[in-house]
């Protein structure tokens, strides 16, 4: 067993222990989701103290990982719960980047202020393109820069901010998020073309059937049987 697999196994054991403990409390998964937002907001307030903000984000990440597992373990899975989790995740993302906006604004770093704004919009668009695409084509999981990857990069940038790690992290987020958005747009374009072609083919096959059905109907003003007049 390698050290990486041993570390992963230890993390899973810890995660399952947390899930079991929370399941015993019968706490609502929606409450856990909301607590994640509160903790991320605290991290945003601590953005001027990067190492501590990174540790707080790790705590918020735990709630992000366990809310769905607790819902399944306690039989509290609901359609609204999935919707609520997605909405709160977007607020959590924006809260973190808003904290960075305030930090760079106070430091008078206009360039990085604009870069953070771009990353914030891109992170929202990564999620939006998937949600919008899946309303049309069923599944759109292509692309690399999902929310877990973004959170990990922000944590790395915060923990190693003393060595100016946040700046390259923002560049990586900006580039890879944009690539992910373009990838999802291209994938959705290809899939919708396939769906449109199938729909056009189905419509073309139905037209001869409809035309044949209309040909068998009696024409207006004529009856299929002559009725004699007794006048």
C-alpha atoms as a PDB file:
ATOM      1  CA  UNK A   1       0.000   0.000   0.000  1.00  0.00           C
ATOM      2  CA  UNK A   2       1.415   3.388  -1.003  1.00  0.00           C
ATOM      3  CA  UNK A   3       1.330   6.398   1.283  1.00  0.00           C
ATOM      4  CA  UNK A   4      -1.178   8.139  -0.992  1.00  0.00           C
ATOM      5  CA  UNK A   5      -3.629   5.232  -0.843  1.00  0.00           C
ATOM      6  CA  UNK A   6      -3.143   5.005   2.929  1.00  0.00           C
ATOM      7  CA  UNK A   7      -3.857   8.729   3.265  1.00  0.00           C
ATOM      8  CA  UNK A   8      -6.964   8.422   1.099  1.00  0.00           C
ATOM      9  CA  UNK A   9      -8.205   5.483   3.151  1.00  0.00           C
ATOM     10  CA  UNK A  10      -7.649   7.397   6.402  1.00  0.00           C
ATOM     11  CA  UNK A  11      -9.586  10.364   5.007  1.00  0.00           C
ATOM     12  CA  UNK A  12     -12.479   8.117   4.007  1.00  0.00           C
ATOM     13  CA  UNK A  13     -12.563   6.533   7.473  1.00  0.00           C
ATOM     14  CA  UNK A  14     -12.645   9.997   9.057  1.00  0.00           C
ATOM     15  CA  UNK A  15     -15.338  11.162   6.653  1.00  0.00           C
ATOM     16  CA  UNK A  16     -17.542   8.130   7.340  1.00  0.00           C
ATOM     17  CA  UNK A  17     -17.111   8.655  11.089  1.00  0.00           C
ATOM     18  CA  UNK A  18     -18.283  12.267  10.729  1.00  0.00           C
ATOM     19  CA  UNK A  19     -21.256  11.153   8.627  1.00  0.00           C
ATOM     20  CA  UNK A  20     -22.242   8.500  11.185  1.00  0.00           C
ATOM     21  CA  UNK A  21     -22.005  10.985  14.040  1.00  0.00           C
ATOM     22  CA  UNK A  22     -24.103  13.591  12.241  1.00  0.00           C
ATOM     23  CA  UNK A  23     -26.622  10.944  11.181  1.00  0.00           C
ATOM     24  CA  UNK A  24     -27.235  10.041  14.815  1.00  0.00           C
ATOM     25  CA  UNK A  25     -28.226  13.637  15.541  1.00  0.00           C
ATOM     26  CA  UNK A  26     -30.907  13.480  12.791  1.00  0.00           C
ATOM     27  CA  UNK A  27     -29.834  16.945  11.701  1.00  0.00           C
ATOM     28  CA  UNK A  28     -31.360  18.181   8.465  1.00  0.00           C
ATOM     29  CA  UNK A  29     -28.946  18.006   5.490  1.00  0.00           C
ATOM     30  CA  UNK A  30     -30.206  21.452   4.461  1.00  0.00           C
ATOM     31  CA  UNK A  31     -28.932  22.815   7.783  1.00  0.00           C
ATOM     32  CA  UNK A  32     -25.500  21.325   7.056  1.00  0.00           C
ATOM     33  CA  UNK A  33     -25.553  22.924   3.614  1.00  0.00           C
ATOM     34  CA  UNK A  34     -26.381  26.312   5.130  1.00  0.00           C
ATOM     35  CA  UNK A  35     -23.658  25.930   7.763  1.00  0.00           C
ATOM     36  CA  UNK A  36     -21.184  25.457   4.919  1.00  0.00           C
ATOM     37  CA  UNK A  37     -22.245  28.836   3.537  1.00  0.00           C
ATOM     38  CA  UNK A  38     -21.835  30.476   6.954  1.00  0.00           C
ATOM     39  CA  UNK A  39     -18.324  29.058   7.352  1.00  0.00           C
ATOM     40  CA  UNK A  40     -17.347  30.147   3.836  1.00  0.00           C
ATOM     41  CA  UNK A  41     -18.588  33.634   4.680  1.00  0.00           C
ATOM     42  CA  UNK A  42     -16.336  33.626   7.741  1.00  0.00           C
ATOM     43  CA  UNK A  43     -13.445  32.576   5.497  1.00  0.00           C
ATOM     44  CA  UNK A  44     -14.231  35.502   3.201  1.00  0.00           C
ATOM     45  CA  UNK A  45     -14.104  37.894   6.170  1.00  0.00           C
ATOM     46  CA  UNK A  46     -10.710  36.438   7.098  1.00  0.00           C
ATOM     47  CA  UNK A  47      -9.360  36.865   3.571  1.00  0.00           C
ATOM     48  CA  UNK A  48      -6.766  39.341   4.855  1.00  0.00           C
ATOM     49  CA  UNK A  49      -5.415  36.508   7.047  1.00  0.00           C
ATOM     50  CA  UNK A  50      -4.847  33.973   4.277  1.00  0.00           C
ATOM     51  CA  UNK A  51      -3.515  30.950   6.211  1.00  0.00           C
ATOM     52  CA  UNK A  52      -6.421  31.069   8.672  1.00  0.00           C
ATOM     53  CA  UNK A  53      -8.891  31.598   5.852  1.00  0.00           C
ATOM     54  CA  UNK A  54      -7.542  28.451   4.174  1.00  0.00           C
ATOM     55  CA  UNK A  55      -8.110  26.414   7.328  1.00  0.00           C
ATOM     56  CA  UNK A  56     -11.651  27.759   7.635  1.00  0.00           C
ATOM     57  CA  UNK A  57     -12.375  26.842   4.004  1.00  0.00           C
ATOM     58  CA  UNK A  58     -11.251  23.282   4.780  1.00  0.00           C
ATOM     59  CA  UNK A  59     -13.850  23.212   7.556  1.00  0.00           C
ATOM     60  CA  UNK A  60     -16.520  24.464   5.160  1.00  0.00           C
ATOM     61  CA  UNK A  61     -15.486  21.790   2.677  1.00  0.00           C
ATOM     62  CA  UNK A  62     -16.297  19.110   5.241  1.00  0.00           C
ATOM     63  CA  UNK A  63     -19.903  20.294   5.366  1.00  0.00           C
ATOM     64  CA  UNK A  64     -19.996  20.343   1.572  1.00  0.00           C
ATOM     65  CA  UNK A  65     -18.882  16.709   1.495  1.00  0.00           C
ATOM     66  CA  UNK A  66     -21.138  15.330   4.217  1.00  0.00           C
ATOM     67  CA  UNK A  67     -24.527  16.963   3.580  1.00  0.00           C
ATOM     68  CA  UNK A  68     -25.431  14.627   0.708  1.00  0.00           C
ATOM     69  CA  UNK A  69     -24.046  11.577   2.500  1.00  0.00           C
ATOM     70  CA  UNK A  70     -26.012  12.398   5.650  1.00  0.00           C
ATOM     71  CA  UNK A  71     -29.152  12.814   3.550  1.00  0.00           C
ATOM     72  CA  UNK A  72     -28.698   9.335   2.081  1.00  0.00           C
ATOM     73  CA  UNK A  73     -27.761   7.759   5.412  1.00  0.00           C
ATOM     74  CA  UNK A  74     -30.824   9.171   7.173  1.00  0.00           C
ATOM     75  CA  UNK A  75     -33.288   8.758   4.323  1.00  0.00           C
ATOM     76  CA  UNK A  76     -33.772  12.513   3.941  1.00  0.00           C
ATOM     77  CA  UNK A  77     -32.983  12.750   0.241  1.00  0.00           C
ATOM     78  CA  UNK A  78     -35.380  15.180  -1.438  1.00  0.00           C
ATOM     79  CA  UNK A  79     -35.579  16.916  -4.798  1.00  0.00           C
ATOM     80  CA  UNK A  80     -35.542  20.298  -3.074  1.00  0.00           C
ATOM     81  CA  UNK A  81     -32.428  19.297  -1.121  1.00  0.00           C
ATOM     82  CA  UNK A  82     -30.439  18.876  -4.322  1.00  0.00           C
ATOM     83  CA  UNK A  83     -31.698  22.223  -5.613  1.00  0.00           C
ATOM     84  CA  UNK A  84     -30.948  23.972  -2.300  1.00  0.00           C
ATOM     85  CA  UNK A  85     -27.430  22.502  -2.207  1.00  0.00           C
ATOM     86  CA  UNK A  86     -26.677  23.793  -5.717  1.00  0.00           C
ATOM     87  CA  UNK A  87     -27.933  27.297  -4.930  1.00  0.00           C
ATOM     88  CA  UNK A  88     -26.024  27.546  -1.640  1.00  0.00           C
ATOM     89  CA  UNK A  89     -22.850  26.272  -3.323  1.00  0.00           C
ATOM     90  CA  UNK A  90     -23.026  29.182  -5.754  1.00  0.00           C
ATOM     91  CA  UNK A  91     -23.370  31.643  -2.862  1.00  0.00           C
ATOM     92  CA  UNK A  92     -20.416  29.983  -1.096  1.00  0.00           C
ATOM     93  CA  UNK A  93     -18.238  30.368  -4.192  1.00  0.00           C
ATOM     94  CA  UNK A  94     -19.182  34.006  -4.613  1.00  0.00           C
ATOM     95  CA  UNK A  95     -18.562  34.699  -0.918  1.00  0.00           C
ATOM     96  CA  UNK A  96     -14.985  33.440  -1.150  1.00  0.00           C
ATOM     97  CA  UNK A  97     -14.185  35.458  -4.246  1.00  0.00           C
ATOM     98  CA  UNK A  98     -15.928  38.512  -2.809  1.00  0.00           C
ATOM     99  CA  UNK A  99     -13.542  38.299   0.134  1.00  0.00           C
ATOM    100  CA  UNK A 100     -10.630  38.314  -2.308  1.00  0.00           C
ATOM    101  CA  UNK A 101     -12.146  41.308  -4.086  1.00  0.00           C
ATOM    102  CA  UNK A 102     -12.172  43.241  -0.826  1.00  0.00           C
ATOM    103  CA  UNK A 103      -8.608  42.160  -0.061  1.00  0.00           C
ATOM    104  CA  UNK A 104      -7.189  43.340  -3.385  1.00  0.00           C
ATOM    105  CA  UNK A 105      -9.281  46.520  -3.284  1.00  0.00           C
ATOM    106  CA  UNK A 106      -7.764  47.428   0.090  1.00  0.00           C
ATOM    107  CA  UNK A 107      -4.293  46.643  -1.247  1.00  0.00           C
ATOM    108  CA  UNK A 108      -4.901  48.828  -4.330  1.00  0.00           C
ATOM    109  CA  UNK A 109      -4.091  45.976  -6.710  1.00  0.00           C
ATOM    110  CA  UNK A 110      -6.496  46.918  -9.495  1.00  0.00           C
ATOM    111  CA  UNK A 111      -5.261  44.248 -11.923  1.00  0.00           C
ATOM    112  CA  UNK A 112      -5.872  41.398  -9.502  1.00  0.00           C
ATOM    113  CA  UNK A 113      -9.172  42.973  -8.516  1.00  0.00           C
ATOM    114  CA  UNK A 114     -10.296  42.582 -12.130  1.00  0.00           C
ATOM    115  CA  UNK A 115      -8.796  39.081 -12.299  1.00  0.00           C
ATOM    116  CA  UNK A 116     -10.743  37.951  -9.216  1.00  0.00           C
ATOM    117  CA  UNK A 117     -13.938  39.404 -10.691  1.00  0.00           C
ATOM    118  CA  UNK A 118     -13.318  37.446 -13.882  1.00  0.00           C
ATOM    119  CA  UNK A 119     -12.664  34.238 -11.926  1.00  0.00           C
ATOM    120  CA  UNK A 120     -15.826  34.777  -9.890  1.00  0.00           C
ATOM    121  CA  UNK A 121     -17.957  35.137 -13.028  1.00  0.00           C
ATOM    122  CA  UNK A 122     -16.228  32.165 -14.642  1.00  0.00           C
ATOM    123  CA  UNK A 123     -16.863  29.926 -11.638  1.00  0.00           C
ATOM    124  CA  UNK A 124     -20.564  30.733 -11.776  1.00  0.00           C
ATOM    125  CA  UNK A 125     -20.647  30.174 -15.538  1.00  0.00           C
ATOM    126  CA  UNK A 126     -18.978  26.760 -15.212  1.00  0.00           C
ATOM    127  CA  UNK A 127     -21.893  25.648 -13.051  1.00  0.00           C
ATOM    128  CA  UNK A 128     -24.499  27.448 -15.148  1.00  0.00           C
ATOM    129  CA  UNK A 129     -23.375  25.942 -18.453  1.00  0.00           C
ATOM    130  CA  UNK A 130     -23.670  22.451 -17.000  1.00  0.00           C
ATOM    131  CA  UNK A 131     -27.096  23.122 -15.461  1.00  0.00           C
ATOM    132  CA  UNK A 132     -28.432  24.707 -18.646  1.00  0.00           C
ATOM    133  CA  UNK A 133     -26.944  21.998 -20.867  1.00  0.00           C
ATOM    134  CA  UNK A 134     -28.387  19.208 -18.744  1.00  0.00           C
ATOM    135  CA  UNK A 135     -31.841  20.729 -19.109  1.00  0.00           C
ATOM    136  CA  UNK A 136     -31.424  20.122 -22.862  1.00  0.00           C
ATOM    137  CA  UNK A 137     -29.250  17.042 -23.350  1.00  0.00           C
ATOM    138  CA  UNK A 138     -29.505  15.136 -20.062  1.00  0.00           C
ATOM    139  CA  UNK A 139     -25.840  15.088 -19.002  1.00  0.00           C
ATOM    140  CA  UNK A 140     -22.899  17.472 -19.404  1.00  0.00           C
ATOM    141  CA  UNK A 141     -20.074  16.415 -17.109  1.00  0.00           C
ATOM    142  CA  UNK A 142     -17.256  17.337 -19.457  1.00  0.00           C
ATOM    143  CA  UNK A 143     -14.551  19.752 -18.404  1.00  0.00           C
ATOM    144  CA  UNK A 144     -11.998  19.712 -15.618  1.00  0.00           C
ATOM    145  CA  UNK A 145     -12.588  22.758 -13.434  1.00  0.00           C
ATOM    146  CA  UNK A 146     -15.470  21.587 -11.246  1.00  0.00           C
ATOM    147  CA  UNK A 147     -16.237  23.067  -7.839  1.00  0.00           C
ATOM    148  CA  UNK A 148     -14.017  20.671  -5.809  1.00  0.00           C
ATOM    149  CA  UNK A 149     -11.009  21.559  -7.958  1.00  0.00           C
ATOM    150  CA  UNK A 150     -11.721  25.268  -7.516  1.00  0.00           C
ATOM    151  CA  UNK A 151     -12.004  24.926  -3.748  1.00  0.00           C
ATOM    152  CA  UNK A 152      -8.758  22.934  -3.520  1.00  0.00           C
ATOM    153  CA  UNK A 153      -6.905  25.566  -5.534  1.00  0.00           C
ATOM    154  CA  UNK A 154      -8.256  28.404  -3.376  1.00  0.00           C
ATOM    155  CA  UNK A 155      -7.205  26.505  -0.239  1.00  0.00           C
ATOM    156  CA  UNK A 156      -3.692  26.043  -1.656  1.00  0.00           C
ATOM    157  CA  UNK A 157      -3.498  29.721  -2.555  1.00  0.00           C
ATOM    158  CA  UNK A 158      -4.632  30.752   0.932  1.00  0.00           C
ATOM    159  CA  UNK A 159      -2.386  28.366   2.870  1.00  0.00           C
ATOM    160  CA  UNK A 160       0.693  29.339   0.876  1.00  0.00           C
ATOM    161  CA  UNK A 161      -0.125  33.025   0.447  1.00  0.00           C
ATOM    162  CA  UNK A 162       3.086  33.917   2.274  1.00  0.00           C
ATOM    163  CA  UNK A 163       4.918  32.668  -0.806  1.00  0.00           C
ATOM    164  CA  UNK A 164       2.546  34.593  -3.115  1.00  0.00           C
ATOM    165  CA  UNK A 165       0.687  31.461  -4.222  1.00  0.00           C
ATOM    166  CA  UNK A 166      -2.695  33.154  -4.619  1.00  0.00           C
ATOM    167  CA  UNK A 167      -1.730  35.053  -7.773  1.00  0.00           C
ATOM    168  CA  UNK A 168      -0.811  31.957  -9.846  1.00  0.00           C
ATOM    169  CA  UNK A 169      -3.843  30.158  -8.418  1.00  0.00           C
ATOM    170  CA  UNK A 170      -6.088  32.904  -9.777  1.00  0.00           C
ATOM    171  CA  UNK A 171      -4.460  32.596 -13.202  1.00  0.00           C
ATOM    172  CA  UNK A 172      -4.967  28.834 -13.215  1.00  0.00           C
ATOM    173  CA  UNK A 173      -8.608  29.288 -12.185  1.00  0.00           C
ATOM    174  CA  UNK A 174      -9.202  31.904 -14.874  1.00  0.00           C
ATOM    175  CA  UNK A 175      -7.664  29.837 -17.682  1.00  0.00           C
ATOM    176  CA  UNK A 176      -9.040  26.411 -16.782  1.00  0.00           C
ATOM    177  CA  UNK A 177     -12.522  27.728 -15.968  1.00  0.00           C
ATOM    178  CA  UNK A 178     -12.687  29.429 -19.356  1.00  0.00           C
ATOM    179  CA  UNK A 179     -11.524  26.242 -21.084  1.00  0.00           C
ATOM    180  CA  UNK A 180     -14.173  24.256 -19.202  1.00  0.00           C
ATOM    181  CA  UNK A 181     -16.904  26.686 -20.269  1.00  0.00           C
ATOM    182  CA  UNK A 182     -15.835  26.518 -23.926  1.00  0.00           C
ATOM    183  CA  UNK A 183     -15.634  22.717 -23.738  1.00  0.00           C
ATOM    184  CA  UNK A 184     -19.176  22.488 -22.370  1.00  0.00           C
ATOM    185  CA  UNK A 185     -20.531  24.878 -24.988  1.00  0.00           C
ATOM    186  CA  UNK A 186     -18.898  22.852 -27.769  1.00  0.00           C
ATOM    187  CA  UNK A 187     -20.135  19.551 -26.302  1.00  0.00           C
ATOM    188  CA  UNK A 188     -23.672  20.881 -25.936  1.00  0.00           C
ATOM    189  CA  UNK A 189     -23.577  22.158 -29.520  1.00  0.00           C
ATOM    190  CA  UNK A 190     -22.622  18.708 -30.793  1.00  0.00           C
ATOM    191  CA  UNK A 191     -25.246  16.922 -28.714  1.00  0.00           C
ATOM    192  CA  UNK A 192     -28.045  19.327 -29.635  1.00  0.00           C
ATOM    193  CA  UNK A 193     -27.211  18.887 -33.339  1.00  0.00           C
ATOM    194  CA  UNK A 194     -27.621  15.135 -32.881  1.00  0.00           C
ATOM    195  CA  UNK A 195     -30.936  15.620 -31.081  1.00  0.00           C
ATOM    196  CA  UNK A 196     -32.168  18.070 -33.738  1.00  0.00           C
ATOM    197  CA  UNK A 197     -31.226  15.629 -36.513  1.00  0.00           C
ATOM    198  CA  UNK A 198     -33.124  12.810 -34.786  1.00  0.00           C
ATOM    199  CA  UNK A 199     -36.139  15.058 -34.283  1.00  0.00           C
ATOM    200  CA  UNK A 200     -36.106  16.097 -37.963  1.00  0.00           C
ATOM    201  CA  UNK A 201     -35.823  12.451 -39.043  1.00  0.00           C
ATOM    202  CA  UNK A 202     -38.742  11.455 -36.820  1.00  0.00           C
ATOM    203  CA  UNK A 203     -40.834  14.317 -38.184  1.00  0.00           C
ATOM    204  CA  UNK A 204     -40.001  13.293 -41.760  1.00  0.00           C
ATOM    205  CA  UNK A 205     -41.093   9.719 -41.065  1.00  0.00           C
ATOM    206  CA  UNK A 206     -44.392  10.872 -39.594  1.00  0.00           C
ATOM    207  CA  UNK A 207     -45.317  13.075 -42.559  1.00  0.00           C
ATOM    208  CA  UNK A 208     -46.010  10.214 -45.087  1.00  0.00           C
ATOM    209  CA  UNK A 209     -48.111   8.432 -42.446  1.00  0.00           C
ATOM    210  CA  UNK A 210     -50.133  11.563 -41.803  1.00  0.00           C
ATOM    211  CA  UNK A 211     -50.531  12.179 -45.542  1.00  0.00           C
ATOM    212  CA  UNK A 212     -51.747   8.605 -46.098  1.00  0.00           C
ATOM    213  CA  UNK A 213     -54.238   8.982 -43.292  1.00  0.00           C
ATOM    214  CA  UNK A 214     -55.630  12.164 -44.804  1.00  0.00           C
ATOM    215  CA  UNK A 215     -55.931  10.470 -48.231  1.00  0.00           C
ATOM    216  CA  UNK A 216     -58.275   7.845 -46.820  1.00  0.00           C
ATOM    217  CA  UNK A 217     -60.659  10.441 -45.418  1.00  0.00           C
ATOM    218  CA  UNK A 218     -63.760  11.403 -47.493  1.00  0.00           C
ATOM    219  CA  UNK A 219     -63.472  14.782 -49.158  1.00  0.00           C
ATOM    220  CA  UNK A 220     -65.542  17.676 -47.924  1.00  0.00           C
ATOM    221  CA  UNK A 221     -68.982  17.945 -49.548  1.00  0.00           C
ATOM    222  CA  UNK A 222     -69.008  14.262 -50.547  1.00  0.00           C
ATOM    223  CA  UNK A 223     -70.284  11.288 -48.626  1.00  0.00           C
ATOM    224  CA  UNK A 224     -69.156   7.709 -48.881  1.00  0.00           C
ATOM    225  CA  UNK A 225     -72.786   6.597 -49.580  1.00  0.00           C
ATOM    226  CA  UNK A 226     -75.464   8.265 -51.764  1.00  0.00           C
ATOM    227  CA  UNK A 227     -78.727   8.836 -49.912  1.00  0.00           C
ATOM    228  CA  UNK A 228     -81.785   8.906 -52.177  1.00  0.00           C
ATOM    229  CA  UNK A 229     -84.151  11.868 -52.035  1.00  0.00           C
ATOM    230  CA  UNK A 230     -87.889  11.345 -51.504  1.00  0.00           C
ATOM    231  CA  UNK A 231     -89.011  14.870 -52.345  1.00  0.00           C
END
